[in-house]
N, C-alpha and C. Protein backbone atom coordinates (compact mmCIF):
# COMPACT_ATOMS: atom_id res chain seq x y z
N MET A 1 22.32 31.31 -16.27
CA MET A 1 21.93 30.56 -17.46
C MET A 1 22.99 29.51 -17.80
N GLU A 2 24.28 29.89 -17.62
CA GLU A 2 25.35 28.95 -17.92
C GLU A 2 25.31 27.75 -16.97
N GLN A 3 24.92 28.01 -15.73
CA GLN A 3 24.83 26.92 -14.76
C GLN A 3 23.77 25.92 -15.18
N LEU A 4 22.64 26.40 -15.62
CA LEU A 4 21.54 25.55 -16.05
C LEU A 4 21.94 24.70 -17.25
N LEU A 5 22.63 25.30 -18.21
CA LEU A 5 23.08 24.56 -19.38
C LEU A 5 24.10 23.48 -19.01
N ALA A 6 25.02 23.81 -18.11
CA ALA A 6 26.01 22.82 -17.68
C ALA A 6 25.33 21.67 -16.95
N GLN A 7 24.35 21.96 -16.12
CA GLN A 7 23.61 20.91 -15.41
C GLN A 7 22.82 20.05 -16.39
N LEU A 8 22.22 20.68 -17.37
CA LEU A 8 21.43 19.96 -18.38
C LEU A 8 22.32 19.02 -19.20
N ILE A 9 23.45 19.51 -19.65
CA ILE A 9 24.38 18.70 -20.44
C ILE A 9 24.97 17.58 -19.59
N GLY A 10 25.38 17.91 -18.38
CA GLY A 10 25.94 16.89 -17.48
C GLY A 10 24.91 15.82 -17.14
N GLY A 11 23.68 16.24 -16.89
CA GLY A 11 22.62 15.29 -16.58
C GLY A 11 22.30 14.38 -17.75
N ALA A 12 22.27 14.94 -18.94
CA ALA A 12 22.00 14.12 -20.13
C ALA A 12 23.10 13.08 -20.33
N ALA A 13 24.34 13.50 -20.15
CA ALA A 13 25.46 12.57 -20.28
C ALA A 13 25.41 11.50 -19.18
N GLY A 14 25.08 11.93 -17.97
CA GLY A 14 24.95 10.98 -16.86
C GLY A 14 23.83 9.99 -17.08
N GLY A 15 22.72 10.45 -17.63
CA GLY A 15 21.59 9.57 -17.91
C GLY A 15 21.93 8.52 -18.96
N ILE A 16 22.61 8.93 -20.00
CA ILE A 16 23.01 7.98 -21.03
C ILE A 16 24.02 6.98 -20.47
N GLY A 17 24.96 7.48 -19.67
CA GLY A 17 25.93 6.59 -19.03
C GLY A 17 25.29 5.61 -18.07
N GLY A 18 24.29 6.07 -17.33
CA GLY A 18 23.59 5.19 -16.40
C GLY A 18 22.82 4.10 -17.11
N GLY A 19 22.24 4.43 -18.25
CA GLY A 19 21.52 3.43 -19.03
C GLY A 19 22.44 2.37 -19.59
N LYS A 20 23.65 2.77 -19.97
CA LYS A 20 24.61 1.81 -20.51
C LYS A 20 25.25 0.98 -19.41
N ALA A 21 25.47 1.58 -18.24
CA ALA A 21 26.15 0.87 -17.15
C ALA A 21 25.22 -0.12 -16.44
N VAL A 22 23.96 0.25 -16.26
CA VAL A 22 23.01 -0.60 -15.54
C VAL A 22 21.96 -1.06 -16.55
N LYS A 23 22.15 -2.24 -17.09
CA LYS A 23 21.25 -2.73 -18.14
C LYS A 23 19.81 -2.88 -17.67
N GLY A 24 19.61 -3.15 -16.38
CA GLY A 24 18.26 -3.29 -15.86
C GLY A 24 17.51 -1.98 -15.78
N ALA A 25 18.20 -0.86 -15.96
CA ALA A 25 17.57 0.45 -15.88
C ALA A 25 17.52 1.15 -17.23
N ASP A 26 17.91 0.48 -18.28
CA ASP A 26 17.95 1.10 -19.61
C ASP A 26 16.54 1.35 -20.13
N MET A 27 16.27 2.59 -20.55
CA MET A 27 14.96 2.97 -21.10
C MET A 27 15.06 3.39 -22.56
N GLY A 28 16.16 3.06 -23.21
CA GLY A 28 16.39 3.52 -24.57
C GLY A 28 17.12 4.85 -24.54
N ASN A 29 17.70 5.23 -25.65
CA ASN A 29 18.52 6.44 -25.68
C ASN A 29 17.75 7.70 -25.30
N ILE A 30 16.57 7.88 -25.87
CA ILE A 30 15.80 9.10 -25.61
C ILE A 30 15.30 9.12 -24.16
N GLY A 31 14.81 8.00 -23.66
CA GLY A 31 14.35 7.93 -22.28
C GLY A 31 15.46 8.21 -21.29
N ASN A 32 16.64 7.62 -21.54
CA ASN A 32 17.79 7.86 -20.68
C ASN A 32 18.20 9.33 -20.71
N LEU A 33 18.19 9.91 -21.90
CA LEU A 33 18.58 11.31 -22.07
C LEU A 33 17.62 12.24 -21.32
N ILE A 34 16.33 12.02 -21.46
CA ILE A 34 15.34 12.89 -20.82
C ILE A 34 15.40 12.74 -19.30
N ALA A 35 15.42 11.51 -18.81
CA ALA A 35 15.48 11.30 -17.36
C ALA A 35 16.75 11.88 -16.78
N GLY A 36 17.86 11.70 -17.47
CA GLY A 36 19.13 12.25 -17.00
C GLY A 36 19.15 13.77 -17.00
N ALA A 37 18.61 14.38 -18.05
CA ALA A 37 18.60 15.84 -18.12
C ALA A 37 17.73 16.44 -17.03
N VAL A 38 16.56 15.87 -16.80
CA VAL A 38 15.67 16.36 -15.74
C VAL A 38 16.34 16.18 -14.38
N GLY A 39 16.95 15.02 -14.18
CA GLY A 39 17.64 14.77 -12.92
C GLY A 39 18.84 15.68 -12.74
N GLY A 40 19.55 15.95 -13.82
CA GLY A 40 20.71 16.84 -13.75
C GLY A 40 20.35 18.25 -13.35
N VAL A 41 19.30 18.77 -13.93
CA VAL A 41 18.87 20.13 -13.59
C VAL A 41 18.32 20.17 -12.16
N GLY A 42 17.46 19.22 -11.83
CA GLY A 42 16.89 19.19 -10.47
C GLY A 42 17.94 18.98 -9.41
N GLY A 43 18.80 17.99 -9.63
CA GLY A 43 19.86 17.72 -8.66
C GLY A 43 20.88 18.83 -8.59
N GLY A 44 21.20 19.40 -9.73
CA GLY A 44 22.16 20.52 -9.75
C GLY A 44 21.64 21.73 -9.00
N GLN A 45 20.36 22.01 -9.16
CA GLN A 45 19.76 23.13 -8.43
C GLN A 45 19.73 22.85 -6.93
N LEU A 46 19.43 21.61 -6.58
CA LEU A 46 19.40 21.22 -5.17
C LEU A 46 20.79 21.32 -4.55
N ILE A 47 21.78 20.79 -5.23
CA ILE A 47 23.15 20.84 -4.73
C ILE A 47 23.63 22.29 -4.66
N GLY A 48 23.32 23.07 -5.67
CA GLY A 48 23.71 24.49 -5.67
C GLY A 48 23.07 25.26 -4.53
N GLY A 49 21.82 24.93 -4.21
CA GLY A 49 21.15 25.59 -3.11
C GLY A 49 21.70 25.20 -1.76
N LEU A 50 22.09 23.93 -1.63
CA LEU A 50 22.64 23.46 -0.36
C LEU A 50 24.06 23.95 -0.14
N LEU A 51 24.88 23.90 -1.18
CA LEU A 51 26.28 24.27 -1.04
C LEU A 51 26.54 25.73 -1.34
N GLY A 52 25.60 26.37 -1.99
CA GLY A 52 25.80 27.76 -2.39
C GLY A 52 26.62 27.82 -3.66
N SER A 53 26.29 28.76 -4.51
CA SER A 53 27.04 28.91 -5.75
C SER A 53 27.75 30.25 -5.72
N GLY A 54 29.04 30.20 -5.56
CA GLY A 54 29.85 31.40 -5.42
C GLY A 54 29.93 32.23 -6.68
N ALA A 55 29.97 31.59 -7.84
CA ALA A 55 30.10 32.34 -9.09
C ALA A 55 28.85 33.17 -9.38
N ALA A 56 27.70 32.62 -9.05
CA ALA A 56 26.46 33.36 -9.29
C ALA A 56 26.38 34.55 -8.35
N ALA A 57 26.84 34.37 -7.12
CA ALA A 57 26.80 35.47 -6.17
C ALA A 57 27.80 36.55 -6.53
N ALA A 58 28.94 36.15 -7.09
CA ALA A 58 29.97 37.12 -7.45
C ALA A 58 29.65 37.80 -8.78
N GLY A 59 28.74 37.26 -9.54
CA GLY A 59 28.36 37.86 -10.81
C GLY A 59 29.29 37.51 -11.95
N GLY A 60 30.15 36.54 -11.78
CA GLY A 60 31.09 36.14 -12.83
C GLY A 60 30.93 34.69 -13.20
N MET A 61 31.70 34.29 -14.21
CA MET A 61 31.68 32.90 -14.63
C MET A 61 33.06 32.31 -14.35
N ASP A 62 33.10 31.25 -13.60
CA ASP A 62 34.33 30.63 -13.18
C ASP A 62 34.38 29.21 -13.74
N ILE A 63 35.54 28.78 -14.21
CA ILE A 63 35.65 27.44 -14.80
C ILE A 63 35.42 26.37 -13.75
N ALA A 64 35.81 26.63 -12.52
CA ALA A 64 35.60 25.65 -11.45
C ALA A 64 34.12 25.47 -11.15
N SER A 65 33.37 26.56 -11.13
CA SER A 65 31.94 26.43 -10.87
C SER A 65 31.22 25.77 -12.04
N MET A 66 31.69 26.02 -13.26
CA MET A 66 31.10 25.35 -14.41
C MET A 66 31.36 23.85 -14.35
N ALA A 67 32.58 23.47 -13.99
CA ALA A 67 32.91 22.05 -13.87
C ALA A 67 32.10 21.42 -12.75
N SER A 68 31.93 22.15 -11.67
CA SER A 68 31.13 21.66 -10.55
C SER A 68 29.68 21.42 -10.96
N ASN A 69 29.12 22.35 -11.71
CA ASN A 69 27.75 22.18 -12.19
C ASN A 69 27.64 21.01 -13.17
N LEU A 70 28.64 20.85 -14.01
CA LEU A 70 28.64 19.77 -14.98
C LEU A 70 28.71 18.41 -14.29
N VAL A 71 29.63 18.28 -13.33
CA VAL A 71 29.78 17.02 -12.62
C VAL A 71 28.58 16.76 -11.71
N GLY A 72 28.13 17.77 -10.99
CA GLY A 72 26.97 17.61 -10.12
C GLY A 72 25.73 17.22 -10.90
N GLY A 73 25.52 17.85 -12.04
CA GLY A 73 24.40 17.49 -12.89
C GLY A 73 24.53 16.09 -13.45
N GLY A 74 25.76 15.70 -13.79
CA GLY A 74 25.99 14.35 -14.32
C GLY A 74 25.69 13.27 -13.30
N VAL A 75 26.15 13.48 -12.08
CA VAL A 75 25.90 12.49 -11.02
C VAL A 75 24.40 12.41 -10.70
N ALA A 76 23.77 13.57 -10.57
CA ALA A 76 22.34 13.59 -10.28
C ALA A 76 21.54 12.97 -11.42
N GLY A 77 21.93 13.25 -12.66
CA GLY A 77 21.26 12.66 -13.81
C GLY A 77 21.40 11.16 -13.86
N LEU A 78 22.58 10.66 -13.53
CA LEU A 78 22.81 9.22 -13.49
C LEU A 78 21.93 8.56 -12.44
N VAL A 79 21.90 9.14 -11.26
CA VAL A 79 21.11 8.55 -10.17
C VAL A 79 19.62 8.55 -10.52
N VAL A 80 19.12 9.66 -11.01
CA VAL A 80 17.69 9.74 -11.35
C VAL A 80 17.35 8.77 -12.48
N GLN A 81 18.20 8.67 -13.48
CA GLN A 81 17.92 7.77 -14.60
C GLN A 81 17.89 6.32 -14.13
N VAL A 82 18.82 5.92 -13.29
CA VAL A 82 18.85 4.54 -12.81
C VAL A 82 17.61 4.24 -11.97
N VAL A 83 17.24 5.16 -11.08
CA VAL A 83 16.07 4.94 -10.24
C VAL A 83 14.80 4.88 -11.09
N VAL A 84 14.62 5.83 -11.99
CA VAL A 84 13.43 5.84 -12.84
C VAL A 84 13.40 4.60 -13.74
N GLY A 85 14.55 4.21 -14.29
CA GLY A 85 14.60 3.03 -15.14
C GLY A 85 14.21 1.77 -14.40
N MET A 86 14.69 1.63 -13.16
CA MET A 86 14.35 0.44 -12.38
C MET A 86 12.87 0.43 -12.00
N VAL A 87 12.32 1.59 -11.65
CA VAL A 87 10.90 1.67 -11.33
C VAL A 87 10.06 1.33 -12.55
N MET A 88 10.43 1.86 -13.70
CA MET A 88 9.69 1.57 -14.93
C MET A 88 9.75 0.09 -15.27
N LYS A 89 10.90 -0.53 -15.06
CA LYS A 89 11.03 -1.96 -15.35
C LYS A 89 10.15 -2.77 -14.41
N LYS A 90 10.08 -2.41 -13.14
CA LYS A 90 9.22 -3.12 -12.18
C LYS A 90 7.76 -2.95 -12.54
N MET A 91 7.37 -1.76 -13.01
CA MET A 91 5.98 -1.51 -13.38
C MET A 91 5.57 -2.32 -14.60
N ARG A 92 6.50 -2.50 -15.53
CA ARG A 92 6.19 -3.27 -16.75
C ARG A 92 6.12 -4.77 -16.48
N GLY A 93 6.85 -5.20 -15.45
CA GLY A 93 6.79 -6.62 -15.08
C GLY A 93 7.87 -7.45 -15.59
């Protein structure tokens, strides 16, 4: 559960950052937040599945794994928000 929350928070922060950094992909604060959060959770789960999550397997909570989930979710959220923002902008014309 802690991993999911860290990915969600990291993704939301990444989405907001992506909207501010890439003006062509900005969808407004709420749109950036939602796209980033969805991307953070999806990307975080994908990265966790590919790399394996040691803390979940060990049954404990480790600060390094929490930071990893937060950063992984943030990067994935940023990427998803920028891609979705650019696609939405192209669709609108």
